[in-house]
C-alpha atoms as a PDB file:
ATOM      1  CA  MET A   1      70.205  78.268  57.793  1.00  0.00           C
ATOM      2  CA  LYS A   2      70.505  79.041  61.490  1.00  0.00           C
ATOM      3  CA  TRP A   3      73.746  79.397  63.521  1.00  0.00           C
ATOM      4  CA  LEU A   4      74.157  79.454  67.268  1.00  0.00           C
ATOM      5  CA  VAL A   5      77.241  81.156  68.649  1.00  0.00           C
ATOM      6  CA  VAL A   6      77.884  80.571  72.331  1.00  0.00           C
ATOM      7  CA  GLY A   7      80.200  82.790  74.380  1.00  0.00           C
ATOM      8  CA  LEU A   8      81.253  80.990  77.545  1.00  0.00           C
ATOM      9  CA  GLY A   9      81.865  82.861  80.774  1.00  0.00           C
ATOM     10  CA  ASN A  10      80.440  83.537  84.234  1.00  0.00           C
ATOM     11  CA  PRO A  11      77.591  86.039  84.758  1.00  0.00           C
ATOM     12  CA  GLY A  12      77.868  88.926  87.137  1.00  0.00           C
ATOM     13  CA  ASP A  13      79.992  92.087  87.509  1.00  0.00           C
ATOM     14  CA  GLN A  14      82.513  90.294  89.687  1.00  0.00           C
ATOM     15  CA  TYR A  15      83.571  88.171  86.711  1.00  0.00           C
ATOM     16  CA  GLU A  16      83.636  90.899  84.093  1.00  0.00           C
ATOM     17  CA  ASN A  17      86.941  90.924  82.138  1.00  0.00           C
ATOM     18  CA  THR A  18      88.229  87.839  83.842  1.00  0.00           C
ATOM     19  CA  ARG A  19      90.211  85.219  81.867  1.00  0.00           C
ATOM     20  CA  HIS A  20      87.371  82.695  82.111  1.00  0.00           C
ATOM     21  CA  ASN A  21      85.088  85.314  80.366  1.00  0.00           C
ATOM     22  CA  ALA A  22      87.151  85.491  77.166  1.00  0.00           C
ATOM     23  CA  GLY A  23      84.180  83.808  75.376  1.00  0.00           C
ATOM     24  CA  PHE A  24      81.810  86.491  76.612  1.00  0.00           C
ATOM     25  CA  ILE A  25      84.242  89.211  75.442  1.00  0.00           C
ATOM     26  CA  LEU A  26      84.427  87.630  71.943  1.00  0.00           C
ATOM     27  CA  ALA A  27      80.660  87.211  71.788  1.00  0.00           C
ATOM     28  CA  ASP A  28      80.226  90.894  72.659  1.00  0.00           C
ATOM     29  CA  ARG A  29      82.563  91.880  69.841  1.00  0.00           C
ATOM     30  CA  LEU A  30      80.681  89.661  67.378  1.00  0.00           C
ATOM     31  CA  ALA A  31      77.346  91.168  68.421  1.00  0.00           C
ATOM     32  CA  LYS A  32      78.782  94.666  68.014  1.00  0.00           C
ATOM     33  CA  GLU A  33      80.111  93.788  64.566  1.00  0.00           C
ATOM     34  CA  LEU A  34      76.594  92.633  63.558  1.00  0.00           C
ATOM     35  CA  ASN A  35      74.960  95.674  65.207  1.00  0.00           C
ATOM     36  CA  LEU A  36      72.968  93.467  67.551  1.00  0.00           C
ATOM     37  CA  GLY A  37      71.805  94.371  71.002  1.00  0.00           C
ATOM     38  CA  TRP A  38      71.643  92.026  73.968  1.00  0.00           C
ATOM     39  CA  ARG A  39      68.484  91.103  75.801  1.00  0.00           C
ATOM     40  CA  LEU A  40      68.115  88.921  78.854  1.00  0.00           C
ATOM     41  CA  ASN A  41      65.997  85.730  78.287  1.00  0.00           C
ATOM     42  CA  SER A  42      65.541  84.780  81.897  1.00  0.00           C
ATOM     43  CA  HIS A  43      63.334  81.778  81.110  1.00  0.00           C
ATOM     44  CA  GLU A  44      66.167  80.138  79.144  1.00  0.00           C
ATOM     45  CA  ARG A  45      68.872  81.654  81.387  1.00  0.00           C
ATOM     46  CA  VAL A  46      70.817  83.323  78.632  1.00  0.00           C
ATOM     47  CA  ALA A  47      71.620  86.792  77.358  1.00  0.00           C
ATOM     48  CA  GLU A  48      70.880  86.702  73.626  1.00  0.00           C
ATOM     49  CA  ALA A  49      71.500  88.788  70.532  1.00  0.00           C
ATOM     50  CA  LYS A  50      69.587  87.735  67.464  1.00  0.00           C
ATOM     51  CA  GLY A  51      69.909  88.834  63.850  1.00  0.00           C
ATOM     52  CA  GLU A  52      70.912  88.079  60.274  1.00  0.00           C
ATOM     53  CA  TYR A  53      74.210  87.846  58.475  1.00  0.00           C
ATOM     54  CA  GLY A  54      73.560  87.696  54.748  1.00  0.00           C
ATOM     55  CA  ASP A  55      70.985  84.961  54.286  1.00  0.00           C
ATOM     56  CA  LYS A  56      71.876  83.246  57.575  1.00  0.00           C
ATOM     57  CA  SER A  57      70.077  83.594  60.903  1.00  0.00           C
ATOM     58  CA  VAL A  58      72.484  84.133  63.800  1.00  0.00           C
ATOM     59  CA  LEU A  59      71.740  83.770  67.476  1.00  0.00           C
ATOM     60  CA  ILE A  60      74.583  84.715  69.867  1.00  0.00           C
ATOM     61  CA  ILE A  61      74.106  83.643  73.475  1.00  0.00           C
ATOM     62  CA  LYS A  62      75.943  84.073  76.756  1.00  0.00           C
ATOM     63  CA  PRO A  63      74.624  81.470  79.212  1.00  0.00           C
ATOM     64  CA  GLN A  64      73.760  83.108  82.529  1.00  0.00           C
ATOM     65  CA  THR A  65      74.532  79.940  84.469  1.00  0.00           C
ATOM     66  CA  TYR A  66      77.994  79.377  85.811  1.00  0.00           C
ATOM     67  CA  MET A  67      80.550  78.087  83.335  1.00  0.00           C
ATOM     68  CA  ASN A  68      80.459  74.464  84.325  1.00  0.00           C
ATOM     69  CA  ALA A  69      76.633  74.318  83.870  1.00  0.00           C
ATOM     70  CA  SER A  70      76.485  76.045  80.432  1.00  0.00           C
ATOM     71  CA  GLY A  71      75.452  72.860  78.585  1.00  0.00           C
ATOM     72  CA  GLY A  72      71.836  72.945  79.761  1.00  0.00           C
ATOM     73  CA  ALA A  73      71.188  76.435  78.487  1.00  0.00           C
ATOM     74  CA  VAL A  74      72.922  75.730  75.199  1.00  0.00           C
ATOM     75  CA  VAL A  75      70.945  72.545  74.564  1.00  0.00           C
ATOM     76  CA  ARG A  76      67.596  74.290  75.384  1.00  0.00           C
ATOM     77  CA  MET A  77      68.431  77.145  72.935  1.00  0.00           C
ATOM     78  CA  ALA A  78      69.600  74.664  70.225  1.00  0.00           C
ATOM     79  CA  ILE A  79      66.342  72.730  70.538  1.00  0.00           C
ATOM     80  CA  LYS A  80      64.159  75.862  70.709  1.00  0.00           C
ATOM     81  CA  GLU A  81      65.851  77.464  67.668  1.00  0.00           C
ATOM     82  CA  GLU A  82      66.245  74.102  65.767  1.00  0.00           C
ATOM     83  CA  VAL A  83      70.025  74.428  65.391  1.00  0.00           C
ATOM     84  CA  LEU A  84      71.982  71.271  64.698  1.00  0.00           C
ATOM     85  CA  PRO A  85      75.247  70.693  66.613  1.00  0.00           C
ATOM     86  CA  ALA A  86      77.263  71.242  63.393  1.00  0.00           C
ATOM     87  CA  ARG A  87      75.889  74.796  63.320  1.00  0.00           C
ATOM     88  CA  ILE A  88      77.006  75.692  66.853  1.00  0.00           C
ATOM     89  CA  ILE A  89      80.217  77.585  67.533  1.00  0.00           C
ATOM     90  CA  VAL A  90      81.448  77.805  71.155  1.00  0.00           C
ATOM     91  CA  LEU A  91      83.837  80.643  72.153  1.00  0.00           C
ATOM     92  CA  SER A  92      85.970  79.936  75.189  1.00  0.00           C
ATOM     93  CA  ASP A  93      89.191  80.670  77.043  1.00  0.00           C
ATOM     94  CA  ASP A  94      92.076  78.096  76.995  1.00  0.00           C
ATOM     95  CA  VAL A  95      94.798  78.087  79.609  1.00  0.00           C
ATOM     96  CA  ASN A  96      96.884  75.647  77.465  1.00  0.00           C
ATOM     97  CA  LEU A  97      97.368  78.310  74.813  1.00  0.00           C
ATOM     98  CA  PRO A  98      99.437  81.481  75.340  1.00  0.00           C
ATOM     99  CA  LEU A  99      97.678  84.842  75.210  1.00  0.00           C
ATOM    100  CA  GLY A 100      97.503  85.820  71.551  1.00  0.00           C
ATOM    101  CA  THR A 101      97.003  82.317  70.236  1.00  0.00           C
ATOM    102  CA  VAL A 102      93.568  81.220  68.938  1.00  0.00           C
ATOM    103  CA  ARG A 103      92.646  77.693  67.968  1.00  0.00           C
ATOM    104  CA  VAL A 104      89.617  77.008  65.735  1.00  0.00           C
ATOM    105  CA  ARG A 105      88.353  73.451  65.601  1.00  0.00           C
ATOM    106  CA  SER A 106      85.352  71.991  63.759  1.00  0.00           C
ATOM    107  CA  GLY A 107      84.870  69.410  66.494  1.00  0.00           C
ATOM    108  CA  GLY A 108      86.691  67.232  69.030  1.00  0.00           C
ATOM    109  CA  SER A 109      86.962  66.753  72.734  1.00  0.00           C
ATOM    110  CA  ALA A 110      86.492  69.366  75.468  1.00  0.00           C
ATOM    111  CA  GLY A 111      90.270  69.276  76.187  1.00  0.00           C
ATOM    112  CA  GLY A 112      89.765  69.638  79.938  1.00  0.00           C
ATOM    113  CA  HIS A 113      87.558  72.754  79.760  1.00  0.00           C
ATOM    114  CA  ASN A 114      84.589  72.148  82.102  1.00  0.00           C
ATOM    115  CA  GLY A 115      82.251  74.628  80.363  1.00  0.00           C
ATOM    116  CA  LEU A 116      82.952  73.141  76.992  1.00  0.00           C
ATOM    117  CA  ALA A 117      82.635  69.633  78.458  1.00  0.00           C
ATOM    118  CA  SER A 118      79.163  70.544  79.739  1.00  0.00           C
ATOM    119  CA  ILE A 119      78.169  71.313  76.138  1.00  0.00           C
ATOM    120  CA  VAL A 120      80.025  68.420  74.406  1.00  0.00           C
ATOM    121  CA  ASP A 121      78.629  65.884  76.897  1.00  0.00           C
ATOM    122  CA  ARG A 122      75.096  66.922  75.854  1.00  0.00           C
ATOM    123  CA  LEU A 123      75.490  67.705  72.135  1.00  0.00           C
ATOM    124  CA  GLY A 124      78.483  65.605  71.066  1.00  0.00           C
ATOM    125  CA  GLU A 125      81.886  66.435  69.636  1.00  0.00           C
ATOM    126  CA  GLU A 126      80.439  67.883  66.415  1.00  0.00           C
ATOM    127  CA  VAL A 127      80.160  71.287  68.100  1.00  0.00           C
ATOM    128  CA  ALA A 128      82.781  73.695  66.747  1.00  0.00           C
ATOM    129  CA  ARG A 129      84.926  75.702  69.152  1.00  0.00           C
ATOM    130  CA  ILE A 130      87.164  78.733  69.094  1.00  0.00           C
ATOM    131  CA  ARG A 131      89.550  78.822  71.972  1.00  0.00           C
ATOM    132  CA  VAL A 132      91.250  82.025  72.968  1.00  0.00           C
ATOM    133  CA  GLY A 133      94.557  81.509  74.750  1.00  0.00           C
ATOM    134  CA  VAL A 134      94.811  83.143  78.135  1.00  0.00           C
ATOM    135  CA  GLY A 135      98.137  81.511  79.193  1.00  0.00           C
ATOM    136  CA  GLU A 136      98.940  79.352  82.179  1.00  0.00           C
ATOM    137  CA  PRO A 137      99.060  80.441  85.804  1.00  0.00           C
ATOM    138  CA  VAL A 138     102.524  81.322  87.079  1.00  0.00           C
ATOM    139  CA  GLY A 139     104.070  81.551  90.536  1.00  0.00           C
ATOM    140  CA  GLY A 140     102.013  78.765  92.106  1.00  0.00           C
ATOM    141  CA  VAL A 141      98.604  80.462  91.498  1.00  0.00           C
ATOM    142  CA  ALA A 142      95.846  77.835  91.537  1.00  0.00           C
ATOM    143  CA  LEU A 143      94.145  77.381  88.146  1.00  0.00           C
ATOM    144  CA  GLU A 144      90.739  78.135  89.654  1.00  0.00           C
ATOM    145  CA  ASN A 145      92.001  81.442  90.921  1.00  0.00           C
ATOM    146  CA  TYR A 146      93.956  82.294  87.800  1.00  0.00           C
ATOM    147  CA  VAL A 147      91.025  82.014  85.404  1.00  0.00           C
ATOM    148  CA  LEU A 148      88.931  84.215  87.701  1.00  0.00           C
ATOM    149  CA  GLU A 149      91.543  87.000  87.716  1.00  0.00           C
ATOM    150  CA  ARG A 150      90.833  90.087  85.672  1.00  0.00           C
ATOM    151  CA  PHE A 151      92.793  90.719  82.525  1.00  0.00           C
ATOM    152  CA  SER A 152      95.330  93.568  82.761  1.00  0.00           C
ATOM    153  CA  LYS A 153      94.741  96.681  80.662  1.00  0.00           C
ATOM    154  CA  SER A 154      97.401  95.540  78.197  1.00  0.00           C
ATOM    155  CA  GLU A 155      95.868  92.044  77.977  1.00  0.00           C
ATOM    156  CA  LEU A 156      92.463  93.571  77.228  1.00  0.00           C
ATOM    157  CA  LEU A 157      93.992  95.625  74.485  1.00  0.00           C
ATOM    158  CA  GLY A 158      95.522  92.365  73.153  1.00  0.00           C
ATOM    159  CA  LEU A 159      92.017  90.788  73.257  1.00  0.00           C
ATOM    160  CA  GLU A 160      90.758  93.665  71.080  1.00  0.00           C
ATOM    161  CA  LYS A 161      93.394  92.716  68.464  1.00  0.00           C
ATOM    162  CA  ILE A 162      92.529  89.017  68.779  1.00  0.00           C
ATOM    163  CA  SER A 163      88.770  89.794  68.353  1.00  0.00           C
ATOM    164  CA  ALA A 164      89.468  91.979  65.335  1.00  0.00           C
ATOM    165  CA  ILE A 165      90.988  88.927  63.590  1.00  0.00           C
ATOM    166  CA  THR A 166      88.775  86.220  65.102  1.00  0.00           C
ATOM    167  CA  VAL A 167      85.323  87.833  64.410  1.00  0.00           C
ATOM    168  CA  PRO A 168      85.820  87.863  60.626  1.00  0.00           C
ATOM    169  CA  LYS A 169      86.730  84.169  60.775  1.00  0.00           C
ATOM    170  CA  ILE A 170      83.448  83.449  62.637  1.00  0.00           C
ATOM    171  CA  LEU A 171      81.478  85.431  60.040  1.00  0.00           C
ATOM    172  CA  LEU A 172      83.253  83.566  57.188  1.00  0.00           C
ATOM    173  CA  ALA A 173      82.307  80.219  58.820  1.00  0.00           C
ATOM    174  CA  ILE A 174      78.678  81.357  59.063  1.00  0.00           C
ATOM    175  CA  LYS A 175      78.689  82.655  55.436  1.00  0.00           C
ATOM    176  CA  GLU A 176      80.317  79.472  54.027  1.00  0.00           C
ATOM    177  CA  GLY A 177      78.366  77.132  56.260  1.00  0.00           C
ATOM    178  CA  VAL A 178      81.398  75.380  57.660  1.00  0.00           C
ATOM    179  CA  VAL A 179      83.996  75.916  60.385  1.00  0.00           C
ATOM    180  CA  LYS A 180      87.528  75.220  59.102  1.00  0.00           C
ATOM    181  CA  ASP A 181      90.227  74.117  61.551  1.00  0.00           C
ATOM    182  CA  ASP A 182      92.791  76.851  62.006  1.00  0.00           C
ATOM    183  CA  SER A 183      95.285  78.138  64.548  1.00  0.00           C
ATOM    184  CA  PHE A 184      96.875  81.537  64.562  1.00  0.00           C
ATOM    185  CA  THR A 185      98.833  83.884  66.836  1.00  0.00           C
ATOM    186  CA  VAL A 186      98.216  87.563  67.024  1.00  0.00           C
ATOM    187  CA  GLN A 187     101.253  89.707  67.704  1.00  0.00           C
ATOM    188  CA  LEU A 188     100.491  91.613  70.922  1.00  0.00           C
END
């Protein structure tokens, strides 16, 4: 059985460690946990890490398009690798959740996230998602600017704690063949 795990973010050094790249950060942690290295697949416009987890085939990708156009790369990889939408897990940021909160859903709407909408519009609501809370903008900062701000050092340390709890949940979903709805908050 094949699984496709998609970390959402924006490519390029200028976006590294920004709130909108929480999905990339989580994908990196998952690849590290599985001892997988990244390679650029420029034809499909993704960075990919491919390997095995038990008897399951796992492909982790980070689309190298901008966030709002992620769906095309995800669909191409799902078709190429013959992965059904029910075996796709999308990792993304969520401004509607406070930092430290993670929401796991086996399906549903995009909830206003344009990158997730780009995928759901093409593959349907059956795609699972793990949303990492990054909190809401404060002080009149525009949402577009807020999500492109870098995490502070303390927030990045918090993301390490979040990843340490979330990655085993991803691996359990892959092992059991199903994503179970869940929400949890990590004490930061």
